[in-house]
N, C-alpha and C. Protein backbone atom coordinates (compact mmCIF):
# COMPACT_ATOMS: atom_id res chain seq x y z
N UNK A 1 -6.56 0.24 -7.58
CA UNK A 1 -6.35 -0.85 -8.50
C UNK A 1 -6.00 -0.34 -9.89
N UNK A 2 -6.50 0.83 -10.26
CA UNK A 2 -6.23 1.39 -11.57
C UNK A 2 -4.73 1.62 -11.74
N UNK A 3 -4.07 2.18 -10.71
CA UNK A 3 -2.64 2.45 -10.79
C UNK A 3 -1.86 1.16 -10.93
N UNK A 4 -2.25 0.11 -10.21
CA UNK A 4 -1.55 -1.17 -10.30
C UNK A 4 -1.70 -1.77 -11.70
N UNK A 5 -2.89 -1.69 -12.27
CA UNK A 5 -3.10 -2.18 -13.63
C UNK A 5 -2.27 -1.39 -14.62
N UNK A 6 -2.22 -0.09 -14.45
CA UNK A 6 -1.47 0.79 -15.34
C UNK A 6 0.02 0.47 -15.29
N UNK A 7 0.56 0.31 -14.10
CA UNK A 7 1.99 0.07 -13.98
C UNK A 7 2.35 -1.32 -14.52
N UNK A 8 1.50 -2.29 -14.32
CA UNK A 8 1.76 -3.63 -14.86
C UNK A 8 1.76 -3.59 -16.39
N UNK A 9 0.82 -2.84 -16.97
CA UNK A 9 0.76 -2.71 -18.42
C UNK A 9 2.02 -2.03 -18.95
N UNK A 10 2.48 -0.97 -18.26
CA UNK A 10 3.70 -0.28 -18.67
C UNK A 10 4.91 -1.22 -18.58
N UNK A 11 4.98 -1.95 -17.49
CA UNK A 11 6.10 -2.88 -17.30
C UNK A 11 6.09 -3.95 -18.39
N UNK A 12 4.93 -4.55 -18.63
CA UNK A 12 4.82 -5.60 -19.64
C UNK A 12 5.10 -5.09 -21.05
N UNK A 13 4.84 -3.80 -21.29
CA UNK A 13 5.11 -3.20 -22.60
C UNK A 13 6.57 -2.78 -22.73
N UNK A 14 7.36 -2.94 -21.67
CA UNK A 14 8.77 -2.59 -21.72
C UNK A 14 9.07 -1.13 -21.41
N UNK A 15 8.08 -0.38 -20.93
CA UNK A 15 8.30 1.01 -20.56
C UNK A 15 8.75 1.04 -19.10
N UNK A 16 9.99 0.57 -18.88
CA UNK A 16 10.49 0.35 -17.54
C UNK A 16 10.70 1.64 -16.74
N UNK A 17 11.11 2.71 -17.41
CA UNK A 17 11.32 3.96 -16.68
C UNK A 17 10.02 4.48 -16.08
N UNK A 18 8.94 4.46 -16.85
CA UNK A 18 7.65 4.93 -16.32
C UNK A 18 7.13 3.97 -15.26
N UNK A 19 7.30 2.67 -15.50
CA UNK A 19 6.86 1.69 -14.51
C UNK A 19 7.62 1.88 -13.20
N UNK A 20 8.93 2.06 -13.30
CA UNK A 20 9.74 2.29 -12.10
C UNK A 20 9.25 3.52 -11.35
N UNK A 21 9.01 4.60 -12.08
CA UNK A 21 8.55 5.84 -11.45
C UNK A 21 7.27 5.60 -10.66
N UNK A 22 6.31 4.89 -11.23
CA UNK A 22 5.04 4.66 -10.54
C UNK A 22 5.23 3.74 -9.33
N UNK A 23 5.98 2.65 -9.52
CA UNK A 23 6.24 1.77 -8.38
C UNK A 23 6.91 2.55 -7.25
N UNK A 24 7.93 3.34 -7.60
CA UNK A 24 8.75 4.02 -6.60
C UNK A 24 8.04 5.20 -5.94
N UNK A 25 7.30 5.97 -6.73
CA UNK A 25 6.78 7.24 -6.23
C UNK A 25 5.29 7.25 -5.91
N UNK A 26 4.55 6.28 -6.41
CA UNK A 26 3.11 6.26 -6.14
C UNK A 26 2.68 5.07 -5.27
N UNK A 27 3.20 3.89 -5.54
CA UNK A 27 2.73 2.71 -4.82
C UNK A 27 3.60 2.35 -3.61
N UNK A 28 4.91 2.38 -3.75
CA UNK A 28 5.78 2.04 -2.62
C UNK A 28 5.55 2.95 -1.41
N UNK A 29 5.36 4.27 -1.60
CA UNK A 29 5.15 5.13 -0.43
C UNK A 29 3.86 4.88 0.35
N UNK A 30 2.91 4.19 -0.25
CA UNK A 30 1.67 3.91 0.49
C UNK A 30 1.69 2.50 1.10
N UNK A 31 2.88 1.88 1.11
CA UNK A 31 3.03 0.59 1.78
C UNK A 31 2.75 -0.62 0.92
N UNK A 32 2.65 -0.46 -0.39
CA UNK A 32 2.41 -1.58 -1.30
C UNK A 32 3.67 -2.43 -1.35
N UNK A 33 3.62 -3.60 -0.73
CA UNK A 33 4.81 -4.45 -0.62
C UNK A 33 5.25 -5.01 -1.96
N UNK A 34 4.31 -5.31 -2.85
CA UNK A 34 4.70 -5.78 -4.18
C UNK A 34 5.45 -4.68 -4.92
N UNK A 35 4.98 -3.45 -4.81
CA UNK A 35 5.66 -2.32 -5.46
C UNK A 35 7.05 -2.14 -4.88
N UNK A 36 7.18 -2.29 -3.57
CA UNK A 36 8.49 -2.16 -2.94
C UNK A 36 9.43 -3.27 -3.44
N UNK A 37 8.88 -4.46 -3.59
CA UNK A 37 9.67 -5.57 -4.16
C UNK A 37 10.09 -5.23 -5.60
N UNK A 38 9.16 -4.71 -6.39
CA UNK A 38 9.46 -4.40 -7.79
C UNK A 38 10.51 -3.29 -7.91
N UNK A 39 10.49 -2.32 -7.01
CA UNK A 39 11.54 -1.30 -7.02
C UNK A 39 12.89 -1.98 -6.79
N UNK A 40 12.94 -2.88 -5.83
CA UNK A 40 14.18 -3.63 -5.58
C UNK A 40 14.60 -4.46 -6.78
N UNK A 41 13.65 -5.15 -7.38
CA UNK A 41 13.93 -5.98 -8.55
C UNK A 41 14.47 -5.14 -9.70
N UNK A 42 13.87 -3.98 -9.91
CA UNK A 42 14.29 -3.13 -11.02
C UNK A 42 15.67 -2.53 -10.75
N UNK A 43 15.97 -2.22 -9.48
CA UNK A 43 17.33 -1.79 -9.14
C UNK A 43 18.33 -2.94 -9.36
N UNK A 44 17.95 -4.13 -9.00
CA UNK A 44 18.85 -5.27 -9.13
C UNK A 44 19.15 -5.59 -10.59
N UNK A 45 18.13 -5.48 -11.43
CA UNK A 45 18.30 -5.84 -12.84
C UNK A 45 18.62 -4.65 -13.74
N UNK A 46 18.56 -3.44 -13.20
CA UNK A 46 18.84 -2.25 -14.00
C UNK A 46 17.74 -1.95 -15.01
N UNK A 47 16.52 -2.27 -14.68
CA UNK A 47 15.39 -2.03 -15.58
C UNK A 47 14.73 -0.69 -15.23
N UNK A 48 14.92 0.30 -16.12
CA UNK A 48 14.31 1.61 -15.90
C UNK A 48 15.05 2.49 -14.92
N UNK A 49 16.14 1.98 -14.39
CA UNK A 49 16.95 2.70 -13.41
C UNK A 49 18.35 2.09 -13.44
N UNK A 50 19.33 2.86 -12.99
CA UNK A 50 20.69 2.33 -12.95
C UNK A 50 20.78 1.16 -11.98
N UNK A 51 21.46 0.11 -12.40
CA UNK A 51 21.61 -1.08 -11.57
C UNK A 51 22.31 -0.73 -10.26
N UNK A 52 21.74 -1.20 -9.14
CA UNK A 52 22.31 -0.89 -7.83
C UNK A 52 21.88 -1.97 -6.84
N UNK A 53 22.72 -3.00 -6.65
CA UNK A 53 22.34 -4.10 -5.76
C UNK A 53 22.18 -3.68 -4.29
N UNK A 54 22.85 -2.61 -3.88
CA UNK A 54 22.71 -2.14 -2.50
C UNK A 54 21.30 -1.60 -2.29
N UNK A 55 20.86 -0.71 -3.18
CA UNK A 55 19.49 -0.19 -3.09
C UNK A 55 18.48 -1.31 -3.27
N UNK A 56 18.76 -2.22 -4.17
CA UNK A 56 17.86 -3.36 -4.38
C UNK A 56 17.66 -4.12 -3.08
N UNK A 57 18.76 -4.38 -2.37
CA UNK A 57 18.66 -5.15 -1.11
C UNK A 57 17.84 -4.39 -0.07
N UNK A 58 18.02 -3.05 -0.02
CA UNK A 58 17.25 -2.25 0.95
C UNK A 58 15.76 -2.32 0.64
N UNK A 59 15.40 -2.21 -0.63
CA UNK A 59 13.98 -2.30 -1.00
C UNK A 59 13.44 -3.70 -0.77
N UNK A 60 14.24 -4.74 -1.04
CA UNK A 60 13.80 -6.11 -0.75
C UNK A 60 13.54 -6.29 0.75
N UNK A 61 14.37 -5.70 1.56
CA UNK A 61 14.20 -5.81 3.01
C UNK A 61 12.89 -5.15 3.44
N UNK A 62 12.60 -4.01 2.86
CA UNK A 62 11.35 -3.31 3.16
C UNK A 62 10.15 -4.14 2.71
N UNK A 63 10.24 -4.72 1.52
CA UNK A 63 9.14 -5.53 0.99
C UNK A 63 8.89 -6.76 1.85
N UNK A 64 9.93 -7.27 2.48
CA UNK A 64 9.83 -8.49 3.29
C UNK A 64 9.37 -8.21 4.72
N UNK A 65 9.05 -6.98 5.03
CA UNK A 65 8.69 -6.57 6.39
C UNK A 65 7.59 -7.43 7.00
N UNK A 66 6.63 -7.85 6.22
CA UNK A 66 5.51 -8.64 6.75
C UNK A 66 5.79 -10.13 6.77
N UNK A 67 6.96 -10.53 6.33
CA UNK A 67 7.32 -11.94 6.37
C UNK A 67 6.79 -12.76 5.21
N UNK A 68 6.40 -12.13 4.13
CA UNK A 68 5.92 -12.86 2.95
C UNK A 68 7.05 -13.76 2.45
N UNK A 69 6.82 -15.08 2.37
CA UNK A 69 7.91 -16.02 2.04
C UNK A 69 8.67 -15.68 0.76
N UNK A 70 7.97 -15.29 -0.29
CA UNK A 70 8.65 -14.98 -1.55
C UNK A 70 9.59 -13.79 -1.39
N UNK A 71 9.13 -12.79 -0.65
CA UNK A 71 9.95 -11.59 -0.47
C UNK A 71 11.12 -11.84 0.48
N UNK A 72 10.89 -12.62 1.52
CA UNK A 72 12.00 -12.92 2.44
C UNK A 72 13.05 -13.78 1.76
N UNK A 73 12.64 -14.66 0.86
CA UNK A 73 13.60 -15.53 0.16
C UNK A 73 14.53 -14.71 -0.73
N UNK A 74 13.97 -13.78 -1.51
CA UNK A 74 14.83 -12.97 -2.39
C UNK A 74 15.69 -12.01 -1.57
N UNK A 75 15.15 -11.49 -0.48
CA UNK A 75 15.92 -10.63 0.40
C UNK A 75 17.13 -11.37 0.95
N UNK A 76 16.87 -12.56 1.51
CA UNK A 76 17.94 -13.34 2.13
C UNK A 76 18.99 -13.75 1.11
N UNK A 77 18.56 -14.14 -0.08
CA UNK A 77 19.50 -14.54 -1.12
C UNK A 77 20.41 -13.38 -1.52
N UNK A 78 19.83 -12.20 -1.70
CA UNK A 78 20.63 -11.04 -2.09
C UNK A 78 21.56 -10.61 -0.96
N UNK A 79 21.06 -10.59 0.27
CA UNK A 79 21.91 -10.18 1.39
C UNK A 79 23.11 -11.11 1.56
N UNK A 80 22.92 -12.40 1.31
CA UNK A 80 24.03 -13.37 1.43
C UNK A 80 25.11 -13.09 0.40
N UNK A 81 24.72 -12.50 -0.73
CA UNK A 81 25.70 -12.25 -1.79
C UNK A 81 26.50 -10.97 -1.58
N UNK A 82 26.11 -10.14 -0.62
CA UNK A 82 26.79 -8.87 -0.40
C UNK A 82 28.01 -9.03 0.50
N UNK A 83 29.03 -8.22 0.24
CA UNK A 83 30.20 -8.19 1.11
C UNK A 83 29.82 -7.50 2.42
N UNK A 84 30.69 -7.55 3.40
CA UNK A 84 30.42 -6.90 4.68
C UNK A 84 30.20 -5.40 4.54
N UNK A 85 31.03 -4.74 3.73
CA UNK A 85 30.88 -3.30 3.52
C UNK A 85 29.58 -2.98 2.80
N UNK A 86 29.25 -3.80 1.79
CA UNK A 86 27.99 -3.57 1.07
C UNK A 86 26.79 -3.85 1.96
N UNK A 87 26.91 -4.81 2.83
CA UNK A 87 25.82 -5.10 3.77
C UNK A 87 25.61 -3.91 4.70
N UNK A 88 26.70 -3.30 5.15
CA UNK A 88 26.59 -2.11 6.01
C UNK A 88 25.93 -0.96 5.26
N UNK A 89 26.27 -0.78 3.99
CA UNK A 89 25.62 0.26 3.18
C UNK A 89 24.15 -0.05 2.99
N UNK A 90 23.83 -1.33 2.84
CA UNK A 90 22.44 -1.75 2.72
C UNK A 90 21.67 -1.44 4.01
N UNK A 91 22.32 -1.65 5.16
CA UNK A 91 21.69 -1.35 6.44
C UNK A 91 21.28 0.12 6.51
N UNK A 92 22.19 1.01 6.11
CA UNK A 92 21.92 2.45 6.15
C UNK A 92 20.77 2.81 5.21
N UNK A 93 20.84 2.29 4.00
CA UNK A 93 19.79 2.57 3.00
C UNK A 93 18.43 2.04 3.49
N UNK A 94 18.44 0.85 4.04
CA UNK A 94 17.20 0.24 4.54
C UNK A 94 16.59 1.07 5.67
N UNK A 95 17.41 1.54 6.60
CA UNK A 95 16.88 2.33 7.71
C UNK A 95 16.28 3.64 7.23
N UNK A 96 16.86 4.22 6.19
CA UNK A 96 16.28 5.44 5.62
C UNK A 96 14.92 5.15 4.98
N UNK A 97 14.83 4.06 4.24
CA UNK A 97 13.55 3.67 3.63
C UNK A 97 12.53 3.33 4.70
N UNK A 98 12.97 2.62 5.69
CA UNK A 98 12.08 2.19 6.77
C UNK A 98 11.43 3.38 7.48
N UNK A 99 12.20 4.45 7.66
CA UNK A 99 11.69 5.64 8.34
C UNK A 99 10.49 6.25 7.60
N UNK A 100 10.46 6.09 6.30
CA UNK A 100 9.38 6.69 5.51
C UNK A 100 8.31 5.70 5.05
N UNK A 101 8.71 4.45 4.79
CA UNK A 101 7.81 3.55 4.07
C UNK A 101 7.47 2.24 4.77
N UNK A 102 7.95 2.04 6.00
CA UNK A 102 7.55 0.81 6.69
C UNK A 102 6.07 0.93 7.07
N UNK A 103 5.47 -0.18 7.43
CA UNK A 103 4.03 -0.18 7.72
C UNK A 103 3.66 0.83 8.80
N UNK A 104 4.44 0.91 9.86
CA UNK A 104 4.11 1.86 10.94
C UNK A 104 4.19 3.31 10.48
N UNK A 105 5.19 3.63 9.66
CA UNK A 105 5.33 5.00 9.16
C UNK A 105 4.16 5.36 8.24
N UNK A 106 3.76 4.42 7.40
CA UNK A 106 2.63 4.66 6.48
C UNK A 106 1.34 4.82 7.28
N UNK A 107 1.14 3.97 8.27
CA UNK A 107 -0.06 4.07 9.11
C UNK A 107 -0.08 5.38 9.90
N UNK A 108 1.06 5.79 10.44
CA UNK A 108 1.11 7.04 11.18
C UNK A 108 0.72 8.21 10.28
N UNK A 109 1.21 8.23 9.06
CA UNK A 109 0.83 9.29 8.12
C UNK A 109 -0.67 9.28 7.85
N UNK A 110 -1.25 8.10 7.70
CA UNK A 110 -2.69 7.99 7.45
C UNK A 110 -3.49 8.46 8.66
N UNK A 111 -3.03 8.11 9.86
CA UNK A 111 -3.70 8.56 11.08
C UNK A 111 -3.67 10.08 11.17
N UNK A 112 -2.52 10.67 10.88
CA UNK A 112 -2.41 12.14 10.92
C UNK A 112 -3.37 12.79 9.93
N UNK A 113 -3.45 12.24 8.71
CA UNK A 113 -4.39 12.79 7.71
C UNK A 113 -5.82 12.69 8.19
N UNK A 114 -6.17 11.53 8.75
CA UNK A 114 -7.54 11.33 9.22
C UNK A 114 -7.87 12.25 10.40
N UNK A 115 -6.92 12.43 11.31
CA UNK A 115 -7.15 13.32 12.44
C UNK A 115 -7.37 14.76 11.96
N UNK A 116 -6.63 15.18 10.94
CA UNK A 116 -6.83 16.53 10.39
C UNK A 116 -8.23 16.67 9.79
N UNK A 117 -8.70 15.62 9.13
CA UNK A 117 -10.05 15.67 8.55
C UNK A 117 -11.10 15.80 9.65
N UNK A 118 -10.92 15.03 10.71
CA UNK A 118 -11.87 15.08 11.82
C UNK A 118 -11.81 16.44 12.51
N UNK A 119 -10.61 16.95 12.70
CA UNK A 119 -10.45 18.27 13.34
C UNK A 119 -11.06 19.38 12.49
N UNK A 120 -11.02 19.23 11.18
CA UNK A 120 -11.58 20.25 10.29
C UNK A 120 -13.10 20.37 10.47
N UNK A 121 -13.71 19.31 10.93
CA UNK A 121 -15.17 19.31 11.11
C UNK A 121 -15.59 20.26 12.22
N UNK A 122 -14.88 20.20 13.36
CA UNK A 122 -15.30 20.98 14.53
C UNK A 122 -14.21 21.88 15.08
N UNK A 123 -13.00 21.73 14.53
CA UNK A 123 -11.88 22.48 15.09
C UNK A 123 -11.18 21.71 16.19
N UNK A 124 -11.67 20.51 16.52
CA UNK A 124 -11.03 19.64 17.50
C UNK A 124 -11.36 18.20 17.14
N UNK A 125 -10.76 17.27 17.85
CA UNK A 125 -11.05 15.87 17.60
C UNK A 125 -12.34 15.42 18.30
N UNK A 126 -12.95 16.31 19.06
CA UNK A 126 -14.19 15.96 19.74
C UNK A 126 -15.32 16.04 18.72
N UNK A 127 -16.07 14.96 18.55
CA UNK A 127 -17.11 14.97 17.53
C UNK A 127 -18.16 16.04 17.80
N UNK A 128 -18.61 16.66 16.73
CA UNK A 128 -19.68 17.65 16.83
C UNK A 128 -21.02 17.02 16.55
N UNK A 129 -22.06 17.71 16.88
CA UNK A 129 -23.41 17.19 16.69
C UNK A 129 -24.10 17.77 15.46
N UNK A 130 -23.39 18.58 14.68
CA UNK A 130 -24.01 19.22 13.52
C UNK A 130 -24.14 18.22 12.38
N UNK A 131 -25.34 17.74 12.12
CA UNK A 131 -25.57 16.75 11.08
C UNK A 131 -26.04 17.37 9.77
N UNK A 132 -26.06 18.71 9.68
CA UNK A 132 -26.54 19.36 8.47
C UNK A 132 -25.46 19.46 7.40
N UNK A 133 -24.25 19.04 7.72
CA UNK A 133 -23.14 19.10 6.79
C UNK A 133 -23.33 18.09 5.66
N UNK A 134 -23.04 18.51 4.42
CA UNK A 134 -23.07 17.61 3.27
C UNK A 134 -21.69 17.64 2.63
N UNK A 135 -21.18 16.47 2.29
CA UNK A 135 -19.85 16.34 1.71
C UNK A 135 -20.00 15.86 0.27
N UNK A 136 -19.32 16.52 -0.65
CA UNK A 136 -19.24 16.06 -2.03
C UNK A 136 -17.80 15.65 -2.26
N UNK A 137 -17.58 14.35 -2.50
CA UNK A 137 -16.23 13.85 -2.70
C UNK A 137 -15.75 14.27 -4.09
N UNK A 138 -14.58 14.91 -4.14
CA UNK A 138 -14.09 15.48 -5.39
C UNK A 138 -13.74 14.43 -6.43
N UNK A 139 -13.22 13.31 -6.02
CA UNK A 139 -12.82 12.28 -6.99
C UNK A 139 -14.02 11.56 -7.59
N UNK A 140 -14.96 11.19 -6.76
CA UNK A 140 -16.08 10.38 -7.25
C UNK A 140 -17.34 11.19 -7.51
N UNK A 141 -17.43 12.37 -6.93
CA UNK A 141 -18.65 13.17 -7.06
C UNK A 141 -19.76 12.68 -6.15
N UNK A 142 -19.46 11.70 -5.33
CA UNK A 142 -20.44 11.12 -4.42
C UNK A 142 -20.84 12.13 -3.35
N UNK A 143 -22.13 12.21 -3.08
CA UNK A 143 -22.64 13.11 -2.04
C UNK A 143 -22.95 12.27 -0.82
N UNK A 144 -22.45 12.73 0.33
CA UNK A 144 -22.66 12.00 1.59
C UNK A 144 -23.02 12.98 2.68
N UNK A 145 -23.70 12.47 3.65
CA UNK A 145 -23.97 13.31 4.82
C UNK A 145 -22.69 13.44 5.61
N UNK A 146 -22.59 14.53 6.36
CA UNK A 146 -21.43 14.73 7.21
C UNK A 146 -21.26 13.61 8.21
N UNK A 147 -22.38 13.15 8.78
CA UNK A 147 -22.32 12.08 9.77
C UNK A 147 -21.75 10.80 9.15
N UNK A 148 -22.17 10.48 7.93
CA UNK A 148 -21.68 9.29 7.26
C UNK A 148 -20.19 9.44 6.93
N UNK A 149 -19.83 10.57 6.35
CA UNK A 149 -18.44 10.83 5.96
C UNK A 149 -17.50 10.74 7.16
N UNK A 150 -17.83 11.46 8.23
CA UNK A 150 -16.96 11.47 9.40
C UNK A 150 -17.03 10.16 10.18
N UNK A 151 -18.14 9.46 10.08
CA UNK A 151 -18.24 8.14 10.70
C UNK A 151 -17.28 7.15 10.07
N UNK A 152 -17.14 7.21 8.75
CA UNK A 152 -16.20 6.35 8.04
C UNK A 152 -14.76 6.68 8.46
N UNK A 153 -14.46 7.96 8.54
CA UNK A 153 -13.11 8.38 8.96
C UNK A 153 -12.82 7.91 10.38
N UNK A 154 -13.80 8.05 11.27
CA UNK A 154 -13.64 7.62 12.66
C UNK A 154 -13.36 6.12 12.73
N UNK A 155 -14.08 5.33 11.95
CA UNK A 155 -13.87 3.88 11.93
C UNK A 155 -12.49 3.55 11.38
N UNK A 156 -12.08 4.24 10.31
CA UNK A 156 -10.74 4.04 9.76
C UNK A 156 -9.67 4.34 10.80
N UNK A 157 -9.85 5.44 11.50
CA UNK A 157 -8.89 5.82 12.54
C UNK A 157 -8.76 4.73 13.60
N UNK A 158 -9.88 4.25 14.08
CA UNK A 158 -9.86 3.20 15.09
C UNK A 158 -9.13 1.96 14.58
N UNK A 159 -9.46 1.56 13.34
CA UNK A 159 -8.83 0.38 12.75
C UNK A 159 -7.33 0.57 12.57
N UNK A 160 -6.93 1.75 12.11
CA UNK A 160 -5.51 2.02 11.90
C UNK A 160 -4.76 2.06 13.22
N UNK A 161 -5.36 2.65 14.24
CA UNK A 161 -4.70 2.70 15.55
C UNK A 161 -4.55 1.30 16.13
N UNK A 162 -5.56 0.46 15.98
CA UNK A 162 -5.47 -0.92 16.48
C UNK A 162 -4.39 -1.70 15.72
N UNK A 163 -4.30 -1.47 14.42
CA UNK A 163 -3.27 -2.15 13.63
C UNK A 163 -1.88 -1.67 14.04
N UNK A 164 -1.73 -0.37 14.29
CA UNK A 164 -0.46 0.15 14.77
C UNK A 164 -0.08 -0.47 16.10
N UNK A 165 -1.06 -0.60 16.98
CA UNK A 165 -0.82 -1.21 18.29
C UNK A 165 -0.31 -2.64 18.11
N UNK A 166 -0.93 -3.36 17.19
CA UNK A 166 -0.54 -4.76 16.95
C UNK A 166 0.85 -4.85 16.31
N UNK A 167 1.08 -4.10 15.24
CA UNK A 167 2.35 -4.17 14.53
C UNK A 167 3.52 -3.74 15.42
N UNK A 168 3.31 -2.65 16.15
CA UNK A 168 4.39 -2.12 16.99
C UNK A 168 4.55 -2.82 18.32
N UNK A 169 3.57 -3.65 18.69
CA UNK A 169 3.62 -4.27 20.01
C UNK A 169 3.43 -3.25 21.12
N UNK A 170 2.64 -2.20 20.82
CA UNK A 170 2.41 -1.11 21.77
C UNK A 170 1.22 -1.46 22.66
N UNK A 171 1.43 -2.27 23.65
CA UNK A 171 0.34 -2.78 24.48
C UNK A 171 -0.45 -1.68 25.19
N UNK A 172 0.21 -0.63 25.63
CA UNK A 172 -0.45 0.43 26.38
C UNK A 172 -0.92 1.59 25.51
N UNK A 173 -0.86 1.44 24.20
CA UNK A 173 -1.21 2.53 23.29
C UNK A 173 -2.72 2.78 23.29
N UNK A 174 -3.09 4.03 23.30
CA UNK A 174 -4.50 4.43 23.22
C UNK A 174 -4.98 4.24 21.78
N UNK A 175 -6.10 3.55 21.62
CA UNK A 175 -6.63 3.32 20.26
C UNK A 175 -7.95 4.05 20.02
N UNK A 176 -8.38 4.83 20.98
CA UNK A 176 -9.57 5.65 20.79
C UNK A 176 -9.13 6.96 20.16
N UNK A 177 -9.58 7.25 18.93
CA UNK A 177 -9.14 8.46 18.23
C UNK A 177 -9.37 9.75 19.02
N UNK A 178 -10.39 9.77 19.86
CA UNK A 178 -10.68 10.98 20.63
C UNK A 178 -9.70 11.21 21.77
N UNK A 179 -8.96 10.16 22.14
CA UNK A 179 -8.05 10.27 23.27
C UNK A 179 -6.59 10.00 22.92
N UNK A 180 -6.30 9.69 21.68
CA UNK A 180 -4.94 9.36 21.31
C UNK A 180 -4.05 10.60 21.44
N UNK A 181 -2.86 10.37 21.98
CA UNK A 181 -1.86 11.43 22.12
C UNK A 181 -0.93 11.31 20.92
N UNK A 182 -1.09 12.19 19.95
CA UNK A 182 -0.35 12.09 18.70
C UNK A 182 1.16 12.21 18.92
N UNK A 183 1.59 13.08 19.80
CA UNK A 183 3.03 13.21 20.07
C UNK A 183 3.61 11.93 20.65
N UNK A 184 2.87 11.33 21.56
CA UNK A 184 3.33 10.07 22.16
C UNK A 184 3.35 8.97 21.11
N UNK A 185 2.34 8.93 20.26
CA UNK A 185 2.29 7.94 19.20
C UNK A 185 3.47 8.11 18.23
N UNK A 186 3.75 9.35 17.86
CA UNK A 186 4.90 9.63 16.99
C UNK A 186 6.21 9.17 17.64
N UNK A 187 6.35 9.42 18.94
CA UNK A 187 7.55 9.00 19.67
C UNK A 187 7.70 7.48 19.63
N UNK A 188 6.61 6.76 19.92
CA UNK A 188 6.67 5.30 19.94
C UNK A 188 7.02 4.74 18.57
N UNK A 189 6.41 5.30 17.54
CA UNK A 189 6.67 4.82 16.18
C UNK A 189 8.12 5.10 15.80
N UNK A 190 8.59 6.30 16.11
CA UNK A 190 9.98 6.66 15.78
C UNK A 190 10.97 5.72 16.47
N UNK A 191 10.72 5.42 17.73
CA UNK A 191 11.61 4.51 18.46
C UNK A 191 11.57 3.11 17.87
N UNK A 192 10.37 2.66 17.52
CA UNK A 192 10.22 1.32 16.94
C UNK A 192 10.94 1.24 15.59
N UNK A 193 10.77 2.26 14.77
CA UNK A 193 11.41 2.26 13.45
C UNK A 193 12.93 2.31 13.59
N UNK A 194 13.43 3.04 14.56
CA UNK A 194 14.87 3.17 14.75
C UNK A 194 15.52 1.89 15.26
N UNK A 195 14.72 1.01 15.88
CA UNK A 195 15.28 -0.25 16.37
C UNK A 195 15.59 -1.13 15.15
N UNK A 196 16.73 -1.72 15.14
CA UNK A 196 17.17 -2.51 13.99
C UNK A 196 16.89 -3.98 14.24
N UNK A 197 16.11 -4.59 13.34
CA UNK A 197 15.82 -6.03 13.52
C UNK A 197 16.67 -6.88 12.60
């Protein structure tokens, strides 16, 4: 929330270049749909970045991924204004953004990070029984037991895998973190992202 407050303050103060940088490089890559919309808006209006309606349309398309009415309306309006050649360029730009920043791509990255954390505990994804581990979180300084820390990660993993299953329509996907086949999951996500809707 701190980053969102900071970027809104920068934007409202007219520091569009810094606001654009934060929207584009800090918030949009983690799946923040409002930030993705704002990157598109700033490209469309030339605020903090060179005006580029093609890139704007690609970012609007990404922001509208979840079907938010406000985002789909601006996406549709901008796409209608593009020529056939510009629409084709928008398609290419959108597919590149989608590969990195769509919900499934963001979730897959989070799952991979969480699996690495779990593997660091025991050297595998199989939970260990060593409860003497103590974790000190570097950002907050909070001290937690290993069981609590890894339990939270395990729950996050399960939730993220279930959400991926739902978003991707992957009915047969394994959602148990201890049994998930990461290569198969990557393949399914890549195929889903490559499909053009």
